[in-house]
Structures are given as structure tokens and as C-alpha cells.
N, C-alpha and C. Protein backbone atom coordinates (compact mmCIF):
# COMPACT_ATOMS: atom_id res chain seq x y z
N MET A 1 -2.22 9.12 -34.09
CA MET A 1 -3.41 8.26 -34.12
C MET A 1 -3.84 7.93 -32.70
N MET A 2 -5.07 8.23 -32.37
CA MET A 2 -5.56 7.99 -31.02
C MET A 2 -5.97 6.52 -30.85
N THR A 3 -5.64 5.97 -29.68
CA THR A 3 -6.03 4.60 -29.37
C THR A 3 -7.52 4.57 -29.04
N GLU A 4 -8.22 3.62 -29.65
CA GLU A 4 -9.66 3.52 -29.40
C GLU A 4 -9.92 3.11 -27.97
N ARG A 5 -10.82 3.80 -27.34
CA ARG A 5 -11.15 3.49 -25.95
C ARG A 5 -12.07 2.28 -25.88
N MET A 6 -11.66 1.28 -25.11
CA MET A 6 -12.46 0.08 -24.94
C MET A 6 -13.51 0.33 -23.86
N GLU A 7 -14.68 -0.23 -24.06
CA GLU A 7 -15.74 -0.10 -23.07
C GLU A 7 -15.62 -1.23 -22.05
N VAL A 8 -15.56 -0.84 -20.80
CA VAL A 8 -15.34 -1.78 -19.71
C VAL A 8 -16.43 -1.60 -18.65
N VAL A 9 -16.98 -2.70 -18.18
CA VAL A 9 -18.01 -2.66 -17.15
C VAL A 9 -17.39 -3.05 -15.81
N LEU A 10 -17.54 -2.19 -14.80
CA LEU A 10 -17.08 -2.50 -13.46
C LEU A 10 -18.18 -3.28 -12.75
N GLY A 11 -17.88 -4.49 -12.38
CA GLY A 11 -18.89 -5.38 -11.83
C GLY A 11 -19.15 -5.21 -10.35
N THR A 12 -19.66 -4.06 -9.96
CA THR A 12 -20.00 -3.85 -8.55
C THR A 12 -21.11 -2.82 -8.42
N ARG A 13 -21.90 -2.96 -7.37
CA ARG A 13 -22.93 -1.98 -7.03
C ARG A 13 -22.49 -1.12 -5.84
N ASN A 14 -21.26 -1.33 -5.39
CA ASN A 14 -20.73 -0.63 -4.24
C ASN A 14 -20.11 0.70 -4.69
N TYR A 15 -20.72 1.82 -4.28
CA TYR A 15 -20.24 3.14 -4.71
C TYR A 15 -18.79 3.37 -4.30
N GLY A 16 -18.41 2.88 -3.12
CA GLY A 16 -17.03 3.05 -2.67
C GLY A 16 -16.04 2.35 -3.56
N LYS A 17 -16.38 1.12 -3.97
CA LYS A 17 -15.49 0.37 -4.85
C LYS A 17 -15.42 1.01 -6.23
N ILE A 18 -16.55 1.52 -6.73
CA ILE A 18 -16.56 2.18 -8.04
C ILE A 18 -15.62 3.38 -8.03
N ALA A 19 -15.68 4.17 -6.96
CA ALA A 19 -14.81 5.35 -6.84
C ALA A 19 -13.34 4.94 -6.81
N GLU A 20 -13.03 3.86 -6.07
CA GLU A 20 -11.65 3.40 -6.00
C GLU A 20 -11.17 2.88 -7.35
N PHE A 21 -12.01 2.11 -8.03
CA PHE A 21 -11.64 1.60 -9.35
C PHE A 21 -11.37 2.73 -10.33
N ARG A 22 -12.24 3.72 -10.34
CA ARG A 22 -12.06 4.84 -11.27
C ARG A 22 -10.73 5.56 -11.02
N ALA A 23 -10.37 5.72 -9.74
CA ALA A 23 -9.11 6.37 -9.40
C ALA A 23 -7.91 5.50 -9.79
N LEU A 24 -8.02 4.20 -9.52
CA LEU A 24 -6.90 3.30 -9.77
C LEU A 24 -6.70 2.96 -11.24
N LEU A 25 -7.78 3.07 -12.05
CA LEU A 25 -7.69 2.77 -13.48
C LEU A 25 -7.48 4.03 -14.32
N LYS A 26 -7.36 5.17 -13.65
CA LYS A 26 -7.19 6.44 -14.35
C LYS A 26 -5.97 6.40 -15.26
N GLY A 27 -6.13 6.90 -16.46
CA GLY A 27 -5.00 6.94 -17.40
C GLY A 27 -5.04 5.85 -18.45
N LEU A 28 -5.83 4.80 -18.22
CA LEU A 28 -5.97 3.75 -19.22
C LEU A 28 -6.98 4.20 -20.28
N SER A 29 -6.79 3.74 -21.49
CA SER A 29 -7.67 4.15 -22.59
C SER A 29 -8.95 3.30 -22.59
N ILE A 30 -9.80 3.58 -21.60
CA ILE A 30 -11.04 2.83 -21.47
C ILE A 30 -12.19 3.78 -21.12
N ARG A 31 -13.38 3.35 -21.45
CA ARG A 31 -14.59 4.05 -21.05
C ARG A 31 -15.30 3.16 -20.05
N MET A 32 -15.46 3.66 -18.82
CA MET A 32 -15.96 2.82 -17.75
C MET A 32 -17.47 2.93 -17.53
N PHE A 33 -18.09 1.78 -17.35
CA PHE A 33 -19.49 1.68 -16.98
C PHE A 33 -19.56 0.91 -15.66
N SER A 34 -20.72 0.90 -15.03
CA SER A 34 -20.90 0.11 -13.82
C SER A 34 -22.23 -0.61 -13.90
N PHE A 35 -22.56 -1.35 -12.85
CA PHE A 35 -23.85 -2.04 -12.78
C PHE A 35 -25.00 -1.08 -12.96
N PHE A 36 -24.81 0.16 -12.52
CA PHE A 36 -25.90 1.14 -12.56
C PHE A 36 -26.23 1.55 -14.00
N ASP A 37 -25.33 1.28 -14.94
CA ASP A 37 -25.61 1.55 -16.35
C ASP A 37 -26.34 0.39 -17.00
N PHE A 38 -26.40 -0.74 -16.30
CA PHE A 38 -27.08 -1.94 -16.80
C PHE A 38 -27.98 -2.48 -15.68
N PRO A 39 -29.08 -1.80 -15.42
CA PRO A 39 -29.94 -2.16 -14.28
C PRO A 39 -30.56 -3.55 -14.35
N ASP A 40 -30.60 -4.15 -15.54
CA ASP A 40 -31.24 -5.46 -15.67
C ASP A 40 -30.26 -6.62 -15.51
N LEU A 41 -29.02 -6.33 -15.17
CA LEU A 41 -28.04 -7.41 -15.01
C LEU A 41 -28.43 -8.31 -13.84
N PRO A 42 -28.33 -9.61 -14.02
CA PRO A 42 -28.66 -10.51 -12.91
C PRO A 42 -27.61 -10.44 -11.82
N LYS A 43 -28.02 -10.68 -10.60
CA LYS A 43 -27.07 -10.71 -9.49
C LYS A 43 -26.35 -12.04 -9.49
N VAL A 44 -25.04 -12.00 -9.46
CA VAL A 44 -24.23 -13.22 -9.51
C VAL A 44 -24.04 -13.76 -8.10
N LYS A 45 -24.36 -15.01 -7.90
CA LYS A 45 -24.21 -15.63 -6.59
C LYS A 45 -22.74 -15.91 -6.31
N GLU A 46 -22.24 -15.34 -5.23
CA GLU A 46 -20.82 -15.49 -4.89
C GLU A 46 -20.66 -16.70 -3.97
N ASP A 47 -20.63 -17.88 -4.57
CA ASP A 47 -20.57 -19.11 -3.78
C ASP A 47 -19.23 -19.83 -3.92
N GLY A 48 -18.22 -19.12 -4.43
CA GLY A 48 -16.89 -19.73 -4.56
C GLY A 48 -16.23 -19.90 -3.20
N LYS A 49 -15.26 -20.78 -3.15
CA LYS A 49 -14.54 -21.02 -1.90
C LYS A 49 -13.34 -20.10 -1.74
N THR A 50 -12.97 -19.40 -2.81
CA THR A 50 -11.84 -18.48 -2.76
C THR A 50 -12.24 -17.14 -3.37
N PHE A 51 -11.46 -16.11 -3.07
CA PHE A 51 -11.71 -14.80 -3.65
C PHE A 51 -11.58 -14.85 -5.18
N LYS A 52 -10.62 -15.62 -5.67
CA LYS A 52 -10.42 -15.71 -7.12
C LYS A 52 -11.62 -16.36 -7.80
N GLU A 53 -12.14 -17.42 -7.22
CA GLU A 53 -13.30 -18.09 -7.82
C GLU A 53 -14.48 -17.12 -7.95
N ASN A 54 -14.72 -16.34 -6.93
CA ASN A 54 -15.83 -15.39 -6.96
C ASN A 54 -15.59 -14.28 -7.97
N ALA A 55 -14.37 -13.74 -8.00
CA ALA A 55 -14.06 -12.64 -8.93
C ALA A 55 -14.19 -13.10 -10.37
N GLU A 56 -13.66 -14.28 -10.67
CA GLU A 56 -13.76 -14.81 -12.04
C GLU A 56 -15.21 -15.08 -12.43
N LYS A 57 -15.96 -15.65 -11.52
CA LYS A 57 -17.35 -15.96 -11.82
C LYS A 57 -18.14 -14.69 -12.14
N LYS A 58 -17.94 -13.64 -11.35
CA LYS A 58 -18.65 -12.38 -11.59
C LYS A 58 -18.23 -11.75 -12.91
N ALA A 59 -16.92 -11.71 -13.16
CA ALA A 59 -16.42 -11.08 -14.39
C ALA A 59 -16.95 -11.80 -15.63
N LYS A 60 -16.92 -13.12 -15.62
CA LYS A 60 -17.39 -13.89 -16.78
C LYS A 60 -18.88 -13.67 -17.01
N ALA A 61 -19.67 -13.68 -15.95
CA ALA A 61 -21.12 -13.52 -16.08
C ALA A 61 -21.48 -12.14 -16.62
N ILE A 62 -20.79 -11.11 -16.13
CA ILE A 62 -21.08 -9.74 -16.56
C ILE A 62 -20.63 -9.52 -18.00
N ALA A 63 -19.47 -10.06 -18.36
CA ALA A 63 -18.98 -9.92 -19.73
C ALA A 63 -19.93 -10.58 -20.72
N LYS A 64 -20.43 -11.75 -20.36
CA LYS A 64 -21.36 -12.45 -21.23
C LYS A 64 -22.67 -11.70 -21.36
N ALA A 65 -23.16 -11.14 -20.27
CA ALA A 65 -24.46 -10.45 -20.27
C ALA A 65 -24.40 -9.11 -21.01
N THR A 66 -23.25 -8.42 -20.96
CA THR A 66 -23.13 -7.09 -21.57
C THR A 66 -22.42 -7.11 -22.92
N ASN A 67 -21.76 -8.24 -23.22
CA ASN A 67 -20.95 -8.35 -24.43
C ASN A 67 -19.82 -7.31 -24.43
N LYS A 68 -19.30 -7.02 -23.25
CA LYS A 68 -18.19 -6.09 -23.09
C LYS A 68 -17.15 -6.70 -22.16
N ILE A 69 -15.96 -6.10 -22.14
CA ILE A 69 -14.98 -6.50 -21.14
C ILE A 69 -15.54 -6.16 -19.77
N ALA A 70 -15.43 -7.07 -18.82
CA ALA A 70 -15.92 -6.83 -17.47
C ALA A 70 -14.78 -6.99 -16.47
N ILE A 71 -14.78 -6.12 -15.48
CA ILE A 71 -13.81 -6.20 -14.39
C ILE A 71 -14.58 -6.42 -13.09
N ALA A 72 -14.21 -7.45 -12.39
CA ALA A 72 -14.87 -7.74 -11.11
C ALA A 72 -13.81 -8.08 -10.08
N GLU A 73 -14.16 -7.91 -8.84
CA GLU A 73 -13.22 -8.26 -7.78
C GLU A 73 -13.96 -8.90 -6.64
N ASP A 74 -13.22 -9.65 -5.87
CA ASP A 74 -13.77 -10.15 -4.61
C ASP A 74 -12.72 -9.84 -3.56
N SER A 75 -13.15 -9.32 -2.46
CA SER A 75 -12.20 -8.93 -1.43
C SER A 75 -12.84 -9.13 -0.07
N GLY A 76 -12.00 -9.14 0.93
CA GLY A 76 -12.53 -9.32 2.27
C GLY A 76 -11.46 -9.27 3.32
N LEU A 77 -11.91 -9.37 4.54
CA LEU A 77 -11.03 -9.33 5.70
C LEU A 77 -10.79 -10.75 6.20
N VAL A 78 -9.53 -11.08 6.38
CA VAL A 78 -9.14 -12.40 6.89
C VAL A 78 -8.52 -12.19 8.26
N VAL A 79 -9.19 -12.71 9.29
CA VAL A 79 -8.72 -12.53 10.67
C VAL A 79 -8.16 -13.85 11.18
N ASP A 80 -6.90 -13.84 11.58
CA ASP A 80 -6.24 -15.09 12.00
C ASP A 80 -6.91 -15.72 13.20
N PHE A 81 -7.26 -14.94 14.21
CA PHE A 81 -7.87 -15.48 15.44
C PHE A 81 -9.21 -16.15 15.15
N LEU A 82 -9.88 -15.71 14.08
CA LEU A 82 -11.18 -16.28 13.71
C LEU A 82 -11.05 -17.38 12.65
N GLY A 83 -9.85 -17.91 12.49
CA GLY A 83 -9.65 -19.00 11.56
C GLY A 83 -9.82 -18.59 10.10
N GLY A 84 -9.57 -17.34 9.81
CA GLY A 84 -9.68 -16.86 8.43
C GLY A 84 -10.99 -16.16 8.12
N GLU A 85 -11.93 -16.19 9.04
CA GLU A 85 -13.19 -15.48 8.82
C GLU A 85 -12.98 -13.98 9.02
N PRO A 86 -13.84 -13.15 8.45
CA PRO A 86 -14.99 -13.47 7.61
C PRO A 86 -14.63 -14.00 6.22
N GLY A 87 -13.43 -13.69 5.70
CA GLY A 87 -12.98 -14.23 4.42
C GLY A 87 -13.93 -13.93 3.28
N VAL A 88 -14.26 -14.97 2.50
CA VAL A 88 -15.13 -14.77 1.34
C VAL A 88 -16.56 -14.42 1.74
N ARG A 89 -16.87 -14.54 3.03
CA ARG A 89 -18.20 -14.16 3.51
C ARG A 89 -18.22 -12.75 4.09
N SER A 90 -17.19 -11.97 3.82
CA SER A 90 -17.06 -10.65 4.45
C SER A 90 -18.27 -9.76 4.25
N ALA A 91 -18.84 -9.75 3.05
CA ALA A 91 -19.97 -8.86 2.77
C ALA A 91 -21.28 -9.34 3.40
N ARG A 92 -21.32 -10.58 3.81
CA ARG A 92 -22.56 -11.14 4.37
C ARG A 92 -22.28 -11.89 5.69
N PHE A 93 -21.30 -11.39 6.44
CA PHE A 93 -20.87 -12.07 7.66
C PHE A 93 -21.98 -12.11 8.70
N SER A 94 -22.85 -11.11 8.70
CA SER A 94 -23.97 -11.09 9.64
C SER A 94 -25.30 -11.38 8.98
N GLY A 95 -25.24 -11.92 7.76
CA GLY A 95 -26.47 -12.23 7.03
C GLY A 95 -26.41 -11.67 5.62
N ASP A 96 -27.24 -12.21 4.75
CA ASP A 96 -27.20 -11.84 3.34
C ASP A 96 -27.44 -10.36 3.09
N ASN A 97 -28.24 -9.72 3.92
CA ASN A 97 -28.55 -8.31 3.73
C ASN A 97 -27.94 -7.43 4.82
N ALA A 98 -26.87 -7.92 5.42
CA ALA A 98 -26.24 -7.19 6.52
C ALA A 98 -25.57 -5.91 6.02
N SER A 99 -25.57 -4.89 6.86
CA SER A 99 -24.90 -3.64 6.55
C SER A 99 -23.42 -3.74 6.94
N ASP A 100 -22.63 -2.78 6.46
CA ASP A 100 -21.22 -2.75 6.84
C ASP A 100 -21.05 -2.67 8.35
N LYS A 101 -21.86 -1.86 8.99
CA LYS A 101 -21.75 -1.70 10.45
C LYS A 101 -22.09 -2.99 11.18
N GLU A 102 -23.09 -3.70 10.69
CA GLU A 102 -23.48 -4.97 11.33
C GLU A 102 -22.35 -5.99 11.22
N ASN A 103 -21.74 -6.07 10.05
CA ASN A 103 -20.62 -7.00 9.86
C ASN A 103 -19.44 -6.63 10.74
N THR A 104 -19.14 -5.34 10.78
CA THR A 104 -18.01 -4.85 11.56
C THR A 104 -18.22 -5.09 13.05
N ARG A 105 -19.43 -4.84 13.52
CA ARG A 105 -19.73 -5.06 14.94
C ARG A 105 -19.60 -6.53 15.31
N ARG A 106 -19.96 -7.40 14.39
CA ARG A 106 -19.85 -8.83 14.70
C ARG A 106 -18.39 -9.24 14.88
N VAL A 107 -17.51 -8.72 14.01
CA VAL A 107 -16.09 -9.01 14.15
C VAL A 107 -15.57 -8.51 15.49
N LEU A 108 -15.93 -7.27 15.85
CA LEU A 108 -15.49 -6.72 17.13
C LEU A 108 -16.01 -7.56 18.30
N LYS A 109 -17.25 -8.02 18.20
CA LYS A 109 -17.84 -8.83 19.27
C LYS A 109 -17.08 -10.15 19.42
N LEU A 110 -16.75 -10.78 18.30
CA LEU A 110 -16.05 -12.06 18.34
C LEU A 110 -14.62 -11.91 18.86
N LEU A 111 -14.08 -10.70 18.74
CA LEU A 111 -12.70 -10.46 19.21
C LEU A 111 -12.67 -9.76 20.57
N TYR A 112 -13.82 -9.66 21.21
CA TYR A 112 -13.88 -8.97 22.51
C TYR A 112 -12.93 -9.65 23.51
N GLY A 113 -12.07 -8.85 24.13
CA GLY A 113 -11.14 -9.37 25.12
C GLY A 113 -9.86 -9.95 24.54
N VAL A 114 -9.76 -10.06 23.23
CA VAL A 114 -8.56 -10.60 22.59
C VAL A 114 -7.49 -9.50 22.52
N PRO A 115 -6.28 -9.75 23.03
CA PRO A 115 -5.23 -8.72 23.04
C PRO A 115 -4.75 -8.36 21.63
N TRP A 116 -4.16 -7.19 21.50
CA TRP A 116 -3.71 -6.69 20.21
C TRP A 116 -2.81 -7.67 19.47
N GLU A 117 -1.92 -8.33 20.21
CA GLU A 117 -0.95 -9.25 19.58
C GLU A 117 -1.64 -10.40 18.85
N GLN A 118 -2.87 -10.72 19.23
CA GLN A 118 -3.58 -11.83 18.60
C GLN A 118 -4.66 -11.36 17.63
N ARG A 119 -4.66 -10.08 17.29
CA ARG A 119 -5.70 -9.53 16.41
C ARG A 119 -5.17 -9.31 14.99
N THR A 120 -4.15 -10.07 14.61
CA THR A 120 -3.57 -9.93 13.28
C THR A 120 -4.59 -10.28 12.20
N ALA A 121 -4.51 -9.54 11.11
CA ALA A 121 -5.48 -9.72 10.03
C ALA A 121 -4.89 -9.19 8.73
N ARG A 122 -5.58 -9.43 7.66
CA ARG A 122 -5.17 -8.89 6.36
C ARG A 122 -6.39 -8.71 5.48
N PHE A 123 -6.34 -7.66 4.68
CA PHE A 123 -7.32 -7.47 3.63
C PHE A 123 -6.78 -8.17 2.39
N VAL A 124 -7.62 -8.90 1.69
CA VAL A 124 -7.23 -9.57 0.45
C VAL A 124 -8.16 -9.13 -0.67
N CYS A 125 -7.60 -8.89 -1.84
CA CYS A 125 -8.40 -8.51 -3.01
C CYS A 125 -7.89 -9.26 -4.24
N VAL A 126 -8.80 -9.85 -4.98
CA VAL A 126 -8.48 -10.45 -6.27
C VAL A 126 -9.32 -9.74 -7.33
N ILE A 127 -8.65 -9.19 -8.34
CA ILE A 127 -9.31 -8.49 -9.44
C ILE A 127 -9.18 -9.33 -10.70
N CYS A 128 -10.28 -9.50 -11.41
CA CYS A 128 -10.27 -10.27 -12.66
C CYS A 128 -10.96 -9.47 -13.77
N ALA A 129 -10.42 -9.60 -14.96
CA ALA A 129 -11.08 -9.08 -16.16
C ALA A 129 -11.47 -10.28 -17.01
N ALA A 130 -12.61 -10.18 -17.67
CA ALA A 130 -13.07 -11.25 -18.56
C ALA A 130 -13.63 -10.64 -19.82
N ASP A 131 -13.48 -11.37 -20.92
CA ASP A 131 -14.12 -10.94 -22.17
C ASP A 131 -15.35 -11.82 -22.40
N PRO A 132 -16.18 -11.47 -23.38
CA PRO A 132 -17.41 -12.25 -23.60
C PRO A 132 -17.18 -13.71 -23.96
N ASN A 133 -15.94 -14.05 -24.35
CA ASN A 133 -15.62 -15.44 -24.68
C ASN A 133 -15.18 -16.25 -23.46
N GLY A 134 -15.10 -15.59 -22.31
CA GLY A 134 -14.75 -16.31 -21.09
C GLY A 134 -13.27 -16.32 -20.76
N GLN A 135 -12.44 -15.60 -21.55
CA GLN A 135 -11.02 -15.52 -21.24
C GLN A 135 -10.82 -14.54 -20.09
N THR A 136 -9.93 -14.85 -19.17
CA THR A 136 -9.74 -14.00 -17.99
C THR A 136 -8.28 -13.71 -17.70
N VAL A 137 -8.07 -12.66 -16.92
CA VAL A 137 -6.75 -12.34 -16.36
C VAL A 137 -7.01 -11.81 -14.96
N CYS A 138 -6.21 -12.27 -13.98
CA CYS A 138 -6.47 -11.93 -12.57
C CYS A 138 -5.18 -11.54 -11.84
N SER A 139 -5.34 -10.74 -10.78
CA SER A 139 -4.23 -10.37 -9.91
C SER A 139 -4.73 -10.30 -8.47
N GLU A 140 -3.81 -10.59 -7.54
CA GLU A 140 -4.17 -10.56 -6.12
C GLU A 140 -3.33 -9.53 -5.38
N GLY A 141 -3.95 -8.84 -4.43
CA GLY A 141 -3.24 -7.89 -3.58
C GLY A 141 -3.60 -8.11 -2.13
N VAL A 142 -2.65 -7.83 -1.25
CA VAL A 142 -2.85 -8.04 0.19
C VAL A 142 -2.38 -6.80 0.95
N CYS A 143 -3.08 -6.47 2.02
CA CYS A 143 -2.64 -5.42 2.95
C CYS A 143 -2.71 -6.02 4.35
N LYS A 144 -1.56 -6.13 5.01
CA LYS A 144 -1.50 -6.74 6.33
C LYS A 144 -1.68 -5.70 7.42
N GLY A 145 -2.23 -6.16 8.53
CA GLY A 145 -2.44 -5.26 9.65
C GLY A 145 -3.08 -5.97 10.81
N GLY A 146 -3.96 -5.26 11.51
CA GLY A 146 -4.65 -5.84 12.66
C GLY A 146 -6.01 -5.19 12.85
N VAL A 147 -6.83 -5.83 13.66
CA VAL A 147 -8.18 -5.33 13.94
C VAL A 147 -8.15 -4.52 15.22
N GLY A 148 -8.59 -3.27 15.14
CA GLY A 148 -8.64 -2.40 16.31
C GLY A 148 -9.72 -2.81 17.28
N PHE A 149 -9.86 -2.02 18.35
CA PHE A 149 -10.81 -2.35 19.41
C PHE A 149 -12.14 -1.60 19.28
N GLU A 150 -12.20 -0.68 18.33
CA GLU A 150 -13.42 0.11 18.12
C GLU A 150 -13.42 0.66 16.71
N MET A 151 -14.58 1.10 16.25
CA MET A 151 -14.67 1.71 14.94
C MET A 151 -14.19 3.16 15.01
N ARG A 152 -13.31 3.52 14.07
CA ARG A 152 -12.79 4.89 14.01
C ARG A 152 -12.70 5.35 12.56
N GLY A 153 -13.13 6.57 12.31
CA GLY A 153 -13.00 7.14 10.98
C GLY A 153 -14.30 7.13 10.20
N THR A 154 -14.39 8.03 9.24
CA THR A 154 -15.63 8.19 8.45
C THR A 154 -15.41 7.96 6.96
N HIS A 155 -14.18 7.67 6.55
CA HIS A 155 -13.92 7.42 5.13
C HIS A 155 -14.02 5.93 4.83
N GLY A 156 -13.95 5.60 3.54
CA GLY A 156 -13.93 4.20 3.15
C GLY A 156 -15.27 3.51 3.35
N PHE A 157 -15.21 2.19 3.45
CA PHE A 157 -16.41 1.38 3.58
C PHE A 157 -16.02 0.01 4.13
N GLY A 158 -17.01 -0.84 4.31
CA GLY A 158 -16.72 -2.20 4.79
C GLY A 158 -16.07 -2.19 6.17
N TYR A 159 -14.97 -2.92 6.29
CA TYR A 159 -14.28 -3.07 7.57
C TYR A 159 -13.20 -2.01 7.78
N ASP A 160 -13.14 -1.00 6.92
CA ASP A 160 -12.12 0.04 7.05
C ASP A 160 -12.06 0.68 8.43
N PRO A 161 -13.21 0.90 9.12
CA PRO A 161 -13.14 1.56 10.43
C PRO A 161 -12.44 0.77 11.53
N ILE A 162 -12.21 -0.53 11.32
CA ILE A 162 -11.55 -1.32 12.38
C ILE A 162 -10.20 -1.89 11.93
N PHE A 163 -9.82 -1.66 10.67
CA PHE A 163 -8.57 -2.25 10.19
C PHE A 163 -7.43 -1.24 10.26
N ILE A 164 -6.37 -1.60 10.98
CA ILE A 164 -5.19 -0.75 11.13
C ILE A 164 -4.03 -1.40 10.37
N PRO A 165 -3.60 -0.82 9.24
CA PRO A 165 -2.51 -1.40 8.47
C PRO A 165 -1.20 -1.40 9.25
N ASN A 166 -0.34 -2.36 8.98
CA ASN A 166 0.98 -2.40 9.61
C ASN A 166 1.73 -1.10 9.35
N GLY A 167 2.35 -0.57 10.39
CA GLY A 167 3.12 0.66 10.24
C GLY A 167 2.31 1.92 10.48
N TYR A 168 1.01 1.77 10.77
CA TYR A 168 0.14 2.92 11.00
C TYR A 168 -0.57 2.79 12.34
N LYS A 169 -1.01 3.93 12.87
CA LYS A 169 -1.82 3.94 14.09
C LYS A 169 -3.27 4.26 13.77
N MET A 170 -3.53 4.72 12.56
CA MET A 170 -4.88 5.07 12.15
C MET A 170 -5.53 3.92 11.39
N THR A 171 -6.85 3.89 11.42
CA THR A 171 -7.57 2.88 10.64
C THR A 171 -7.65 3.34 9.18
N MET A 172 -8.03 2.44 8.30
CA MET A 172 -8.20 2.82 6.89
C MET A 172 -9.30 3.86 6.72
N ALA A 173 -10.28 3.84 7.61
CA ALA A 173 -11.37 4.81 7.53
C ALA A 173 -10.96 6.20 7.98
N GLU A 174 -9.78 6.31 8.60
CA GLU A 174 -9.25 7.61 9.00
C GLU A 174 -8.31 8.18 7.93
N MET A 175 -8.06 7.42 6.88
CA MET A 175 -7.21 7.87 5.79
C MET A 175 -8.06 8.49 4.69
N ASP A 176 -7.49 9.46 3.98
CA ASP A 176 -8.21 9.97 2.81
C ASP A 176 -7.98 9.01 1.65
N GLN A 177 -8.71 9.21 0.55
CA GLN A 177 -8.67 8.29 -0.58
C GLN A 177 -7.26 8.14 -1.16
N THR A 178 -6.53 9.25 -1.26
CA THR A 178 -5.19 9.22 -1.84
C THR A 178 -4.25 8.37 -1.00
N GLN A 179 -4.31 8.56 0.31
CA GLN A 179 -3.45 7.79 1.21
C GLN A 179 -3.82 6.31 1.19
N LYS A 180 -5.11 6.02 1.21
CA LYS A 180 -5.55 4.64 1.19
C LYS A 180 -5.11 3.94 -0.10
N ASN A 181 -5.22 4.65 -1.23
CA ASN A 181 -4.89 4.05 -2.52
C ASN A 181 -3.40 3.76 -2.69
N LYS A 182 -2.59 4.19 -1.75
CA LYS A 182 -1.16 3.89 -1.82
C LYS A 182 -0.84 2.55 -1.16
N ILE A 183 -1.71 2.09 -0.26
CA ILE A 183 -1.36 0.90 0.53
C ILE A 183 -2.42 -0.19 0.53
N SER A 184 -3.63 0.10 0.06
CA SER A 184 -4.73 -0.85 0.22
C SER A 184 -4.52 -2.14 -0.57
N HIS A 185 -5.24 -3.17 -0.17
CA HIS A 185 -5.21 -4.45 -0.87
C HIS A 185 -5.66 -4.29 -2.31
N ARG A 186 -6.66 -3.41 -2.53
CA ARG A 186 -7.16 -3.19 -3.88
C ARG A 186 -6.11 -2.47 -4.73
N ALA A 187 -5.42 -1.52 -4.11
CA ALA A 187 -4.36 -0.80 -4.81
C ALA A 187 -3.20 -1.74 -5.15
N ASN A 188 -2.85 -2.61 -4.20
CA ASN A 188 -1.75 -3.56 -4.44
C ASN A 188 -2.11 -4.55 -5.55
N ALA A 189 -3.37 -4.97 -5.59
CA ALA A 189 -3.81 -5.86 -6.67
C ALA A 189 -3.79 -5.11 -8.00
N MET A 190 -4.21 -3.84 -7.96
CA MET A 190 -4.29 -3.06 -9.19
C MET A 190 -2.92 -2.77 -9.78
N LYS A 191 -1.91 -2.60 -8.92
CA LYS A 191 -0.55 -2.35 -9.41
C LYS A 191 -0.10 -3.49 -10.32
N LYS A 192 -0.44 -4.71 -9.94
CA LYS A 192 -0.10 -5.87 -10.76
C LYS A 192 -1.05 -6.00 -11.95
N PHE A 193 -2.29 -5.61 -11.71
CA PHE A 193 -3.35 -5.84 -12.69
C PHE A 193 -3.30 -4.89 -13.88
N ARG A 194 -2.85 -3.65 -13.67
CA ARG A 194 -2.89 -2.63 -14.73
C ARG A 194 -2.16 -3.08 -16.00
N ASP A 195 -0.94 -3.59 -15.84
CA ASP A 195 -0.18 -4.02 -17.01
C ASP A 195 -0.83 -5.22 -17.69
N SER A 196 -1.33 -6.15 -16.86
CA SER A 196 -2.00 -7.32 -17.43
C SER A 196 -3.27 -6.92 -18.17
N LEU A 197 -4.01 -5.97 -17.60
CA LEU A 197 -5.24 -5.50 -18.23
C LEU A 197 -4.93 -4.77 -19.53
N LYS A 198 -3.88 -3.96 -19.53
CA LYS A 198 -3.50 -3.22 -20.74
C LYS A 198 -3.21 -4.19 -21.88
N HIS A 199 -2.46 -5.26 -21.59
CA HIS A 199 -2.16 -6.26 -22.61
C HIS A 199 -3.43 -6.98 -23.04
N PHE A 200 -4.27 -7.31 -22.07
CA PHE A 200 -5.54 -7.99 -22.31
C PHE A 200 -6.40 -7.17 -23.28
N LEU A 201 -6.46 -5.85 -23.05
CA LEU A 201 -7.25 -4.96 -23.90
C LEU A 201 -6.61 -4.76 -25.27
N ASP A 202 -5.27 -4.63 -25.30
CA ASP A 202 -4.57 -4.41 -26.57
C ASP A 202 -4.78 -5.58 -27.53
N VAL A 203 -4.75 -6.79 -27.01
CA VAL A 203 -4.98 -7.97 -27.83
C VAL A 203 -6.37 -7.93 -28.45
N ARG A 204 -7.33 -7.50 -27.67
CA ARG A 204 -8.71 -7.46 -28.15
C ARG A 204 -8.96 -6.29 -29.10
N ARG A 205 -8.23 -5.20 -28.94
CA ARG A 205 -8.33 -4.08 -29.88
C ARG A 205 -7.90 -4.51 -31.28
N LYS A 206 -6.86 -5.33 -31.32
CA LYS A 206 -6.32 -5.75 -32.61
C LYS A 206 -7.30 -6.66 -33.36
N ARG A 207 -8.22 -7.25 -32.62
CA ARG A 207 -9.21 -8.15 -33.25
C ARG A 207 -10.39 -7.38 -33.80
N MET A 208 -10.51 -6.11 -33.38
CA MET A 208 -11.69 -5.33 -33.78
C MET A 208 -11.59 -4.82 -35.21
């Protein structure tokens, strides 16, 4: 007897994140959709003070609007020298419509002249799933490292070109997708999240 595939909406318009989610969720009995399959979905204002608050808010809003299970995440770069910034403002560090390069350049500018020993940072990711009734399950993942002195690499997105994970000399943007998915904050969150999501979906299958 085949397990019925649950329909799940990935709550992001970021092509890079969609590709990572599809790779990390591979093997689960789900049929994945994204924002691009629901063009009329309202944009959720990410005004939470923590990554978890934003991820939960997005997942709940999308689940309610689509009447499907929704998966959303909030992630960002936390730089110790900058007091935790960009943090939850990572995607809009240089303004609401800022590009990845603009945000990355601002971080490099703020760290100009700061020695390597003081450029410690970490990527943080919180992934949440929500059902249309507002029930949620969440997991957090972290990848520690430091901020380099220049942008390097053409893979990935966001701050990947300046983030050097602990134990590596290359930036995340210099890694291929397979290598990145072994160590990234999103991958670390997903390792915890997969089992929780499977249980979350199984409970809801039994209600159908």
C-alpha cells in the first residue's frame, strides 16, 4: 500500500532556497509547491524579533491561505562584532529592496579593518511547518564560521560569498550544492526537522 503524498507549500520566493529545500526534503512522501504556484499569496511582513517568530508567522499565514501544510524558514547571518547584526534583518540589511550584493557589501564595509580573529559569525536557520489550523513544529540549525575580507565564489546566495565555515578555507559560495548541504545552517536545521515533519505529516494523514 502506497503512502499518500501530502501537498506541501514551500514559503519562499527565493530560487536558491527552493532548490535547497527540494534537495534536503528528498525522499519524503510529499508533493512540493512554492510561492510561484500561488501567485496571489500575500507577502508576509517579517517583523518578528527572532528567526523563530518570523518562520512561524510565515508558515501559519501560508497554510491558512492555501489550506495546505506550509513550510517556512527564517535565516540570516549573525556577526559578533556587529552586535548580532544583520540577524533577522539579513535580507533587508541595506534596505527593503536591497540585493544580496548590496547587503553583503554593507557587512564588508562595516567590518573594514577588523582582524580575522574578531570576524566571528554564524548562520542561523529556523524551519517551521504549519497546518491550516495553526499547529506548528520547528527546528533550528547553526553553522559557525567567520566573515572573509572579500566576496569569493559564484554558488549559493545571500551572504555565502563572504562566509567561511569553521574548518574550511573556502566560502560557502565556493562550495557546490552537495558540499554545502552537508554543513549549512539550513541542512543542520533540516536534519532535526525531517523526523519532526514526518510525524507531523503522519498525524495529519490519519485524519484524512
